[in-house]
Amino acid sequence: MTKNETLKSWVEQYSEPLLRRALYVLSDKEDAQDIVQEVFLAAYSAYDSFEGKSQPLTWLMAILNRKVADFYRKKYKSEPNVRLDHFFDETGSWKNNDVLNDWAVSGEGEELLDNRDFNKTLEECIEELPSRWKILLKMYYIEEKKAPEVSQELNVSTTNLWKILQRSRMQLRECLEFNWFSRS
């Protein structure tokens, strides 16, 4: 089979799983489609380096992961600084201490993550985060990358990573308080 025939076959076979993964990681259909297209372009360019020691999908997923990391790195660096005036006043104190209150889960506990409506609300709250926060949050919690790896990929200090993750958790908590727990 020629290079073009092989790649055409791969596009037909692997576009869907690659798109599902890209959509899961990026949460944006157009960005996911663009990344998958870039994966196949990169695969075409690097086809001669594919030794066949792994399945083609494994190789394509590795390319996808690098493309997603590049996408996040570029997006993270290009966006403006995040404003914190939502949580803190000019002295650095909390504006609203309500976000620090304990949640009354009323016996739901861990089953909450099995609740489809709660997960939908959580996803909506994640999407409301500033893009720079969302990128770090997804890489750390969803992709389960270690802090040093996230810090290195996005060129951010570990201290700054922890601060952004903390602020993201606080904003998620406030969003869930308003959109989920206050309605219960």
N, C-alpha and C. Protein backbone atom coordinates (compact mmCIF):
# COMPACT_ATOMS: atom_id res chain seq x y z
N MET A 1 0.84 -1.18 0.00
CA MET A 1 0.00 0.00 0.00
C MET A 1 0.89 1.25 0.00
N THR A 2 0.54 2.23 -0.78
CA THR A 2 1.33 3.46 -0.85
C THR A 2 1.07 4.34 0.37
N LYS A 3 1.93 5.30 0.54
CA LYS A 3 1.79 6.26 1.65
C LYS A 3 0.42 6.94 1.61
N ASN A 4 0.01 7.43 0.45
CA ASN A 4 -1.27 8.11 0.32
C ASN A 4 -2.44 7.19 0.63
N GLU A 5 -2.38 5.95 0.15
CA GLU A 5 -3.45 5.00 0.41
C GLU A 5 -3.54 4.66 1.90
N THR A 6 -2.38 4.48 2.51
CA THR A 6 -2.34 4.17 3.95
C THR A 6 -2.94 5.32 4.75
N LEU A 7 -2.51 6.53 4.46
CA LEU A 7 -3.02 7.67 5.21
C LEU A 7 -4.52 7.89 4.96
N LYS A 8 -4.96 7.65 3.76
CA LYS A 8 -6.39 7.76 3.47
C LYS A 8 -7.16 6.74 4.31
N SER A 9 -6.63 5.55 4.41
CA SER A 9 -7.24 4.51 5.24
C SER A 9 -7.26 4.93 6.72
N TRP A 10 -6.17 5.51 7.18
CA TRP A 10 -6.10 5.97 8.57
C TRP A 10 -7.13 7.07 8.83
N VAL A 11 -7.27 7.99 7.90
CA VAL A 11 -8.26 9.08 8.07
C VAL A 11 -9.65 8.47 8.23
N GLU A 12 -9.96 7.48 7.39
CA GLU A 12 -11.28 6.84 7.47
C GLU A 12 -11.46 6.07 8.77
N GLN A 13 -10.42 5.37 9.20
CA GLN A 13 -10.51 4.52 10.39
C GLN A 13 -10.42 5.29 11.71
N TYR A 14 -9.56 6.29 11.76
CA TYR A 14 -9.18 6.87 13.05
C TYR A 14 -9.66 8.29 13.29
N SER A 15 -10.32 8.90 12.34
CA SER A 15 -10.79 10.27 12.54
C SER A 15 -11.74 10.37 13.73
N GLU A 16 -12.66 9.44 13.82
CA GLU A 16 -13.66 9.50 14.89
C GLU A 16 -13.04 9.36 16.28
N PRO A 17 -12.20 8.33 16.55
CA PRO A 17 -11.62 8.26 17.90
C PRO A 17 -10.69 9.45 18.21
N LEU A 18 -9.98 9.94 17.21
CA LEU A 18 -9.13 11.11 17.44
C LEU A 18 -9.98 12.34 17.75
N LEU A 19 -11.07 12.51 17.03
CA LEU A 19 -11.95 13.65 17.26
C LEU A 19 -12.61 13.56 18.64
N ARG A 20 -13.02 12.37 19.04
CA ARG A 20 -13.61 12.20 20.38
C ARG A 20 -12.62 12.62 21.46
N ARG A 21 -11.38 12.16 21.33
CA ARG A 21 -10.36 12.51 22.33
C ARG A 21 -10.07 14.01 22.32
N ALA A 22 -9.92 14.57 21.13
CA ALA A 22 -9.63 16.00 21.02
C ALA A 22 -10.78 16.82 21.59
N LEU A 23 -11.99 16.43 21.33
CA LEU A 23 -13.15 17.15 21.84
C LEU A 23 -13.22 17.05 23.36
N TYR A 24 -12.90 15.89 23.89
CA TYR A 24 -12.89 15.69 25.34
C TYR A 24 -11.87 16.61 26.01
N VAL A 25 -10.70 16.72 25.40
CA VAL A 25 -9.61 17.51 26.00
C VAL A 25 -9.79 19.00 25.76
N LEU A 26 -10.30 19.39 24.60
CA LEU A 26 -10.38 20.80 24.24
C LEU A 26 -11.74 21.44 24.52
N SER A 27 -12.79 20.65 24.58
CA SER A 27 -14.15 21.14 24.84
C SER A 27 -14.66 22.13 23.80
N ASP A 28 -14.11 22.10 22.62
CA ASP A 28 -14.55 22.97 21.55
C ASP A 28 -14.46 22.19 20.24
N LYS A 29 -15.61 22.05 19.56
CA LYS A 29 -15.67 21.21 18.37
C LYS A 29 -14.77 21.70 17.25
N GLU A 30 -14.78 23.01 16.99
CA GLU A 30 -13.95 23.54 15.91
C GLU A 30 -12.46 23.37 16.20
N ASP A 31 -12.06 23.66 17.44
CA ASP A 31 -10.65 23.46 17.80
C ASP A 31 -10.27 21.99 17.68
N ALA A 32 -11.17 21.10 18.11
CA ALA A 32 -10.90 19.67 18.03
C ALA A 32 -10.73 19.22 16.58
N GLN A 33 -11.60 19.69 15.72
CA GLN A 33 -11.51 19.34 14.30
C GLN A 33 -10.20 19.85 13.70
N ASP A 34 -9.82 21.06 14.06
CA ASP A 34 -8.56 21.63 13.56
C ASP A 34 -7.36 20.80 14.02
N ILE A 35 -7.39 20.40 15.29
CA ILE A 35 -6.27 19.63 15.84
C ILE A 35 -6.18 18.27 15.13
N VAL A 36 -7.32 17.62 14.91
CA VAL A 36 -7.30 16.32 14.22
C VAL A 36 -6.74 16.48 12.81
N GLN A 37 -7.12 17.55 12.16
CA GLN A 37 -6.59 17.81 10.83
C GLN A 37 -5.06 17.99 10.89
N GLU A 38 -4.60 18.72 11.90
CA GLU A 38 -3.16 18.90 12.08
C GLU A 38 -2.45 17.58 12.36
N VAL A 39 -3.14 16.69 13.08
CA VAL A 39 -2.56 15.37 13.38
C VAL A 39 -2.28 14.62 12.08
N PHE A 40 -3.26 14.63 11.18
CA PHE A 40 -3.08 13.90 9.92
C PHE A 40 -2.02 14.57 9.03
N LEU A 41 -1.94 15.88 9.08
CA LEU A 41 -0.89 16.57 8.32
C LEU A 41 0.49 16.21 8.88
N ALA A 42 0.59 16.18 10.20
CA ALA A 42 1.86 15.80 10.83
C ALA A 42 2.20 14.34 10.54
N ALA A 43 1.18 13.49 10.55
CA ALA A 43 1.39 12.07 10.25
C ALA A 43 1.88 11.89 8.81
N TYR A 44 1.33 12.68 7.92
CA TYR A 44 1.77 12.62 6.52
C TYR A 44 3.24 13.02 6.40
N SER A 45 3.58 14.11 7.09
CA SER A 45 4.97 14.60 7.05
C SER A 45 5.94 13.62 7.69
N ALA A 46 5.52 12.97 8.76
CA ALA A 46 6.41 12.10 9.52
C ALA A 46 6.18 10.62 9.21
N TYR A 47 5.45 10.33 8.16
CA TYR A 47 5.07 8.95 7.85
C TYR A 47 6.28 8.01 7.79
N ASP A 48 7.36 8.47 7.23
CA ASP A 48 8.55 7.62 7.09
C ASP A 48 9.16 7.25 8.44
N SER A 49 8.86 8.02 9.49
CA SER A 49 9.39 7.70 10.82
C SER A 49 8.51 6.69 11.56
N PHE A 50 7.32 6.41 11.04
CA PHE A 50 6.45 5.40 11.66
C PHE A 50 7.01 4.02 11.35
N GLU A 51 7.47 3.35 12.39
CA GLU A 51 8.14 2.06 12.21
C GLU A 51 7.20 0.88 12.30
N GLY A 52 5.95 1.12 12.69
CA GLY A 52 4.99 0.02 12.81
C GLY A 52 5.15 -0.79 14.08
N LYS A 53 5.92 -0.29 15.04
CA LYS A 53 6.11 -1.00 16.30
C LYS A 53 4.89 -0.86 17.21
N SER A 54 4.03 0.11 16.90
CA SER A 54 2.79 0.30 17.63
C SER A 54 1.65 0.35 16.61
N GLN A 55 0.46 0.33 17.13
CA GLN A 55 -0.71 0.47 16.26
C GLN A 55 -0.74 1.89 15.71
N PRO A 56 -1.25 2.08 14.50
CA PRO A 56 -1.33 3.43 13.95
C PRO A 56 -2.11 4.40 14.86
N LEU A 57 -3.18 3.91 15.48
CA LEU A 57 -3.96 4.79 16.35
C LEU A 57 -3.13 5.26 17.54
N THR A 58 -2.31 4.39 18.08
CA THR A 58 -1.43 4.77 19.20
C THR A 58 -0.49 5.88 18.77
N TRP A 59 0.10 5.72 17.60
CA TRP A 59 1.02 6.73 17.06
C TRP A 59 0.28 8.05 16.82
N LEU A 60 -0.91 7.96 16.23
CA LEU A 60 -1.70 9.16 15.95
C LEU A 60 -2.14 9.85 17.26
N MET A 61 -2.47 9.07 18.28
CA MET A 61 -2.85 9.65 19.58
C MET A 61 -1.66 10.38 20.21
N ALA A 62 -0.47 9.84 20.04
CA ALA A 62 0.73 10.52 20.57
C ALA A 62 0.91 11.86 19.86
N ILE A 63 0.69 11.87 18.55
CA ILE A 63 0.77 13.13 17.80
C ILE A 63 -0.31 14.08 18.30
N LEU A 64 -1.51 13.57 18.51
CA LEU A 64 -2.62 14.39 19.02
C LEU A 64 -2.26 15.02 20.36
N ASN A 65 -1.69 14.23 21.25
CA ASN A 65 -1.32 14.77 22.57
C ASN A 65 -0.31 15.91 22.44
N ARG A 66 0.66 15.77 21.55
CA ARG A 66 1.63 16.85 21.34
C ARG A 66 0.96 18.08 20.74
N LYS A 67 0.05 17.87 19.81
CA LYS A 67 -0.66 19.00 19.19
C LYS A 67 -1.54 19.72 20.21
N VAL A 68 -2.19 18.97 21.09
CA VAL A 68 -3.01 19.59 22.13
C VAL A 68 -2.14 20.38 23.09
N ALA A 69 -1.00 19.82 23.47
CA ALA A 69 -0.08 20.54 24.36
C ALA A 69 0.39 21.83 23.70
N ASP A 70 0.72 21.76 22.41
CA ASP A 70 1.12 22.97 21.68
C ASP A 70 -0.01 23.98 21.63
N PHE A 71 -1.22 23.50 21.39
CA PHE A 71 -2.40 24.37 21.34
C PHE A 71 -2.58 25.09 22.68
N TYR A 72 -2.53 24.34 23.78
CA TYR A 72 -2.70 24.94 25.10
C TYR A 72 -1.57 25.90 25.42
N ARG A 73 -0.35 25.52 25.07
CA ARG A 73 0.79 26.38 25.33
C ARG A 73 0.63 27.72 24.61
N LYS A 74 0.25 27.65 23.35
CA LYS A 74 0.07 28.87 22.56
C LYS A 74 -1.10 29.70 23.11
N LYS A 75 -2.20 29.04 23.42
CA LYS A 75 -3.37 29.74 23.92
C LYS A 75 -3.09 30.35 25.30
N TYR A 76 -2.40 29.60 26.13
CA TYR A 76 -2.11 30.08 27.47
C TYR A 76 -1.25 31.34 27.42
N LYS A 77 -0.27 31.35 26.54
CA LYS A 77 0.64 32.48 26.46
C LYS A 77 0.01 33.69 25.78
N SER A 78 -0.99 33.47 24.94
CA SER A 78 -1.53 34.57 24.15
C SER A 78 -2.67 35.33 24.82
N GLU A 79 -3.24 34.77 25.87
CA GLU A 79 -4.39 35.43 26.48
C GLU A 79 -3.95 36.43 27.55
N PRO A 80 -4.77 37.44 27.79
CA PRO A 80 -4.43 38.45 28.80
C PRO A 80 -4.44 37.86 30.21
N ASN A 81 -3.87 38.62 31.13
CA ASN A 81 -3.85 38.18 32.52
C ASN A 81 -5.25 38.04 33.08
N VAL A 82 -5.37 37.12 34.02
CA VAL A 82 -6.65 36.87 34.66
C VAL A 82 -6.87 37.89 35.76
N ARG A 83 -8.08 38.38 35.84
CA ARG A 83 -8.43 39.34 36.89
C ARG A 83 -8.98 38.59 38.10
N LEU A 84 -8.57 39.03 39.28
CA LEU A 84 -8.99 38.36 40.50
C LEU A 84 -9.97 39.18 41.32
N ASP A 85 -10.42 40.31 40.78
CA ASP A 85 -11.29 41.17 41.56
C ASP A 85 -12.65 40.54 41.85
N HIS A 86 -12.93 39.42 41.22
CA HIS A 86 -14.17 38.70 41.51
C HIS A 86 -14.13 38.14 42.93
N PHE A 87 -12.95 37.68 43.37
CA PHE A 87 -12.81 37.04 44.67
C PHE A 87 -12.22 37.94 45.74
N PHE A 88 -11.30 38.83 45.34
CA PHE A 88 -10.54 39.59 46.32
C PHE A 88 -10.75 41.09 46.15
N ASP A 89 -10.73 41.80 47.27
CA ASP A 89 -10.82 43.26 47.19
C ASP A 89 -9.43 43.84 46.99
N GLU A 90 -9.32 45.16 47.00
CA GLU A 90 -8.03 45.80 46.71
C GLU A 90 -6.97 45.52 47.78
N THR A 91 -7.38 45.07 48.98
CA THR A 91 -6.41 44.74 50.02
C THR A 91 -5.98 43.27 49.97
N GLY A 92 -6.62 42.49 49.09
CA GLY A 92 -6.29 41.08 48.99
C GLY A 92 -7.15 40.19 49.86
N SER A 93 -8.15 40.78 50.52
CA SER A 93 -9.05 40.01 51.38
C SER A 93 -10.21 39.45 50.54
N TRP A 94 -10.80 38.37 51.05
CA TRP A 94 -11.95 37.78 50.37
C TRP A 94 -13.10 38.77 50.34
N LYS A 95 -13.73 38.92 49.19
CA LYS A 95 -14.91 39.78 49.08
C LYS A 95 -16.12 39.13 49.73
N ASN A 96 -16.23 37.81 49.55
CA ASN A 96 -17.42 37.11 50.01
C ASN A 96 -16.97 35.81 50.66
N ASN A 97 -17.15 35.70 51.96
CA ASN A 97 -16.72 34.50 52.68
C ASN A 97 -17.68 33.33 52.50
N ASP A 98 -18.84 33.55 51.86
CA ASP A 98 -19.80 32.48 51.67
C ASP A 98 -19.21 31.30 50.91
N VAL A 99 -18.30 31.58 50.01
CA VAL A 99 -17.71 30.52 49.19
C VAL A 99 -16.88 29.57 50.06
N LEU A 100 -16.53 29.98 51.27
CA LEU A 100 -15.74 29.15 52.16
C LEU A 100 -16.60 28.24 53.03
N ASN A 101 -17.90 28.40 53.00
CA ASN A 101 -18.79 27.59 53.83
C ASN A 101 -18.80 26.14 53.37
N ASP A 102 -19.07 25.24 54.34
CA ASP A 102 -19.15 23.81 54.01
C ASP A 102 -20.42 23.52 53.24
N TRP A 103 -20.33 22.56 52.34
CA TRP A 103 -21.51 22.13 51.60
C TRP A 103 -22.26 21.11 52.43
N ALA A 104 -23.56 21.25 52.45
CA ALA A 104 -24.41 20.24 53.07
C ALA A 104 -24.81 19.29 51.95
N VAL A 105 -24.18 18.14 51.92
CA VAL A 105 -24.38 17.23 50.80
C VAL A 105 -25.61 16.36 51.00
N SER A 106 -26.15 16.32 52.17
CA SER A 106 -27.37 15.57 52.49
C SER A 106 -27.29 14.12 52.05
N GLY A 107 -26.18 13.46 52.45
CA GLY A 107 -26.07 12.03 52.22
C GLY A 107 -25.70 11.62 50.80
N GLU A 108 -25.48 12.55 49.89
CA GLU A 108 -25.16 12.18 48.51
C GLU A 108 -23.71 11.73 48.38
N GLY A 109 -22.81 12.44 49.03
CA GLY A 109 -21.40 12.08 49.03
C GLY A 109 -20.83 11.77 47.66
N GLU A 110 -20.14 10.66 47.56
CA GLU A 110 -19.46 10.30 46.32
C GLU A 110 -20.42 10.01 45.18
N GLU A 111 -21.67 9.66 45.48
CA GLU A 111 -22.64 9.37 44.43
C GLU A 111 -22.92 10.59 43.57
N LEU A 112 -22.59 11.75 44.06
CA LEU A 112 -22.83 12.98 43.33
C LEU A 112 -22.17 12.94 41.95
N LEU A 113 -20.98 12.36 41.85
CA LEU A 113 -20.28 12.29 40.56
C LEU A 113 -20.95 11.30 39.60
N ASP A 114 -21.84 10.47 40.12
CA ASP A 114 -22.60 9.56 39.26
C ASP A 114 -23.87 10.21 38.73
N ASN A 115 -24.17 11.40 39.23
CA ASN A 115 -25.39 12.11 38.84
C ASN A 115 -25.13 12.88 37.54
N ARG A 116 -25.84 12.51 36.48
CA ARG A 116 -25.62 13.11 35.16
C ARG A 116 -25.91 14.61 35.19
N ASP A 117 -26.96 15.04 35.91
CA ASP A 117 -27.29 16.47 35.97
C ASP A 117 -26.20 17.26 36.69
N PHE A 118 -25.67 16.67 37.78
CA PHE A 118 -24.58 17.34 38.49
C PHE A 118 -23.35 17.48 37.58
N ASN A 119 -23.01 16.40 36.86
CA ASN A 119 -21.85 16.45 35.96
C ASN A 119 -22.04 17.48 34.87
N LYS A 120 -23.26 17.63 34.38
CA LYS A 120 -23.53 18.66 33.36
C LYS A 120 -23.30 20.05 33.95
N THR A 121 -23.79 20.25 35.17
CA THR A 121 -23.59 21.53 35.85
C THR A 121 -22.11 21.78 36.09
N LEU A 122 -21.39 20.76 36.52
CA LEU A 122 -19.95 20.89 36.74
C LEU A 122 -19.23 21.26 35.45
N GLU A 123 -19.57 20.60 34.34
CA GLU A 123 -18.95 20.92 33.05
C GLU A 123 -19.24 22.36 32.64
N GLU A 124 -20.47 22.81 32.88
CA GLU A 124 -20.83 24.19 32.54
C GLU A 124 -20.03 25.17 33.40
N CYS A 125 -19.84 24.83 34.67
CA CYS A 125 -19.04 25.69 35.55
C CYS A 125 -17.58 25.73 35.10
N ILE A 126 -17.04 24.59 34.68
CA ILE A 126 -15.67 24.56 34.19
C ILE A 126 -15.53 25.44 32.96
N GLU A 127 -16.52 25.39 32.07
CA GLU A 127 -16.47 26.19 30.85
C GLU A 127 -16.55 27.69 31.13
N GLU A 128 -17.09 28.07 32.29
CA GLU A 128 -17.17 29.49 32.66
C GLU A 128 -15.85 30.03 33.20
N LEU A 129 -14.91 29.16 33.51
CA LEU A 129 -13.62 29.61 34.03
C LEU A 129 -12.88 30.39 32.96
N PRO A 130 -12.03 31.31 33.37
CA PRO A 130 -11.15 31.98 32.39
C PRO A 130 -10.34 30.91 31.66
N SER A 131 -10.09 31.12 30.40
CA SER A 131 -9.42 30.12 29.56
C SER A 131 -8.10 29.64 30.16
N ARG A 132 -7.31 30.56 30.68
CA ARG A 132 -6.01 30.18 31.23
C ARG A 132 -6.18 29.25 32.42
N TRP A 133 -7.19 29.49 33.22
CA TRP A 133 -7.44 28.62 34.37
C TRP A 133 -7.94 27.27 33.90
N LYS A 134 -8.85 27.29 32.92
CA LYS A 134 -9.45 26.07 32.41
C LYS A 134 -8.38 25.15 31.83
N ILE A 135 -7.42 25.71 31.13
CA ILE A 135 -6.34 24.92 30.53
C ILE A 135 -5.58 24.17 31.62
N LEU A 136 -5.16 24.89 32.65
CA LEU A 136 -4.40 24.26 33.73
C LEU A 136 -5.25 23.22 34.45
N LEU A 137 -6.49 23.55 34.73
CA LEU A 137 -7.39 22.65 35.44
C LEU A 137 -7.58 21.34 34.67
N LYS A 138 -7.80 21.45 33.37
CA LYS A 138 -8.02 20.25 32.56
C LYS A 138 -6.75 19.41 32.47
N MET A 139 -5.62 20.06 32.29
CA MET A 139 -4.37 19.30 32.20
C MET A 139 -4.08 18.57 33.51
N TYR A 140 -4.30 19.25 34.63
CA TYR A 140 -3.96 18.67 35.93
C TYR A 140 -4.99 17.63 36.39
N TYR A 141 -6.27 17.98 36.33
CA TYR A 141 -7.29 17.08 36.86
C TYR A 141 -7.87 16.11 35.84
N ILE A 142 -8.11 16.54 34.63
CA ILE A 142 -8.75 15.66 33.65
C ILE A 142 -7.73 14.79 32.93
N GLU A 143 -6.64 15.41 32.47
CA GLU A 143 -5.60 14.62 31.81
C GLU A 143 -4.68 13.95 32.83
N GLU A 144 -4.81 14.33 34.10
CA GLU A 144 -4.06 13.78 35.22
C GLU A 144 -2.55 13.89 35.03
N LYS A 145 -2.13 15.04 34.50
CA LYS A 145 -0.70 15.29 34.38
C LYS A 145 -0.18 15.80 35.72
N LYS A 146 1.06 15.49 36.01
CA LYS A 146 1.69 15.93 37.25
C LYS A 146 2.02 17.41 37.17
N ALA A 147 2.08 18.07 38.33
CA ALA A 147 2.33 19.50 38.39
C ALA A 147 3.60 19.92 37.65
N PRO A 148 4.72 19.22 37.83
CA PRO A 148 5.93 19.64 37.10
C PRO A 148 5.74 19.57 35.57
N GLU A 149 5.00 18.56 35.12
CA GLU A 149 4.77 18.42 33.68
C GLU A 149 3.90 19.56 33.15
N VAL A 150 2.84 19.90 33.89
CA VAL A 150 1.96 21.00 33.49
C VAL A 150 2.75 22.31 33.50
N SER A 151 3.53 22.51 34.57
CA SER A 151 4.33 23.72 34.69
C SER A 151 5.30 23.86 33.53
N GLN A 152 5.94 22.76 33.18
CA GLN A 152 6.91 22.79 32.08
C GLN A 152 6.23 23.02 30.74
N GLU A 153 5.12 22.32 30.49
CA GLU A 153 4.44 22.45 29.20
C GLU A 153 3.92 23.87 28.96
N LEU A 154 3.45 24.52 30.03
CA LEU A 154 2.87 25.85 29.87
C LEU A 154 3.81 26.96 30.32
N ASN A 155 5.03 26.57 30.72
CA ASN A 155 6.03 27.54 31.14
C ASN A 155 5.50 28.45 32.25
N VAL A 156 4.98 27.83 33.29
CA VAL A 156 4.45 28.55 34.44
C VAL A 156 5.10 27.94 35.69
N SER A 157 5.39 28.76 36.66
CA SER A 157 6.02 28.23 37.88
C SER A 157 5.04 27.33 38.63
N THR A 158 5.59 26.40 39.38
CA THR A 158 4.74 25.49 40.16
C THR A 158 3.91 26.28 41.17
N THR A 159 4.49 27.30 41.75
CA THR A 159 3.76 28.14 42.71
C THR A 159 2.56 28.80 42.03
N ASN A 160 2.78 29.34 40.85
CA ASN A 160 1.70 29.97 40.11
C ASN A 160 0.64 28.94 39.72
N LEU A 161 1.08 27.75 39.33
CA LEU A 161 0.14 26.66 39.01
C LEU A 161 -0.78 26.39 40.19
N TRP A 162 -0.20 26.24 41.39
CA TRP A 162 -1.02 25.94 42.57
C TRP A 162 -1.99 27.07 42.87
N LYS A 163 -1.54 28.31 42.69
CA LYS A 163 -2.43 29.46 42.93
C LYS A 163 -3.59 29.46 41.95
N ILE A 164 -3.30 29.20 40.68
CA ILE A 164 -4.37 29.20 39.68
C ILE A 164 -5.33 28.04 39.93
N LEU A 165 -4.80 26.88 40.27
CA LEU A 165 -5.67 25.74 40.58
C LEU A 165 -6.56 26.04 41.78
N GLN A 166 -5.99 26.68 42.81
CA GLN A 166 -6.79 27.05 43.99
C GLN A 166 -7.89 28.03 43.61
N ARG A 167 -7.56 29.03 42.83
CA ARG A 167 -8.56 30.01 42.41
C ARG A 167 -9.62 29.37 41.53
N SER A 168 -9.21 28.43 40.69
CA SER A 168 -10.17 27.71 39.84
C SER A 168 -11.14 26.90 40.69
N ARG A 169 -10.59 26.23 41.70
CA ARG A 169 -11.46 25.44 42.59
C ARG A 169 -12.44 26.34 43.33
N MET A 170 -11.98 27.51 43.74
CA MET A 170 -12.86 28.43 44.45
C MET A 170 -13.98 28.93 43.53
N GLN A 171 -13.64 29.26 42.30
CA GLN A 171 -14.67 29.73 41.37
C GLN A 171 -15.63 28.59 41.02
N LEU A 172 -15.11 27.39 40.86
CA LEU A 172 -15.98 26.24 40.60
C LEU A 172 -16.92 26.01 41.78
N ARG A 173 -16.37 26.13 42.97
CA ARG A 173 -17.20 25.94 44.15
C ARG A 173 -18.32 26.96 44.20
N GLU A 174 -18.00 28.21 43.93
CA GLU A 174 -19.02 29.26 43.93
C GLU A 174 -20.07 28.99 42.86
N CYS A 175 -19.63 28.59 41.69
CA CYS A 175 -20.56 28.30 40.60
C CYS A 175 -21.47 27.14 40.97
N LEU A 176 -20.90 26.08 41.57
CA LEU A 176 -21.71 24.93 41.98
C LEU A 176 -22.65 25.30 43.11
N GLU A 177 -22.20 26.15 44.03
CA GLU A 177 -23.09 26.64 45.11
C GLU A 177 -24.33 27.27 44.51
N PHE A 178 -24.12 28.12 43.53
CA PHE A 178 -25.21 28.86 42.94
C PHE A 178 -26.07 28.00 42.02
N ASN A 179 -25.43 27.19 41.17
CA ASN A 179 -26.15 26.46 40.15
C ASN A 179 -26.59 25.05 40.52
N TRP A 180 -26.09 24.54 41.64
CA TRP A 180 -26.48 23.19 42.01
C TRP A 180 -27.00 23.11 43.45
N PHE A 181 -26.16 23.49 44.41
CA PHE A 181 -26.51 23.27 45.81
C PHE A 181 -27.61 24.20 46.30
N SER A 182 -27.67 25.41 45.80
CA SER A 182 -28.74 26.31 46.25
C SER A 182 -30.10 25.90 45.68
N ARG A 183 -30.09 25.08 44.64
CA ARG A 183 -31.34 24.61 44.04
C ARG A 183 -31.84 23.34 44.69
N SER A 184 -31.00 22.68 45.47
CA SER A 184 -31.38 21.40 46.09
C SER A 184 -32.37 21.61 47.21
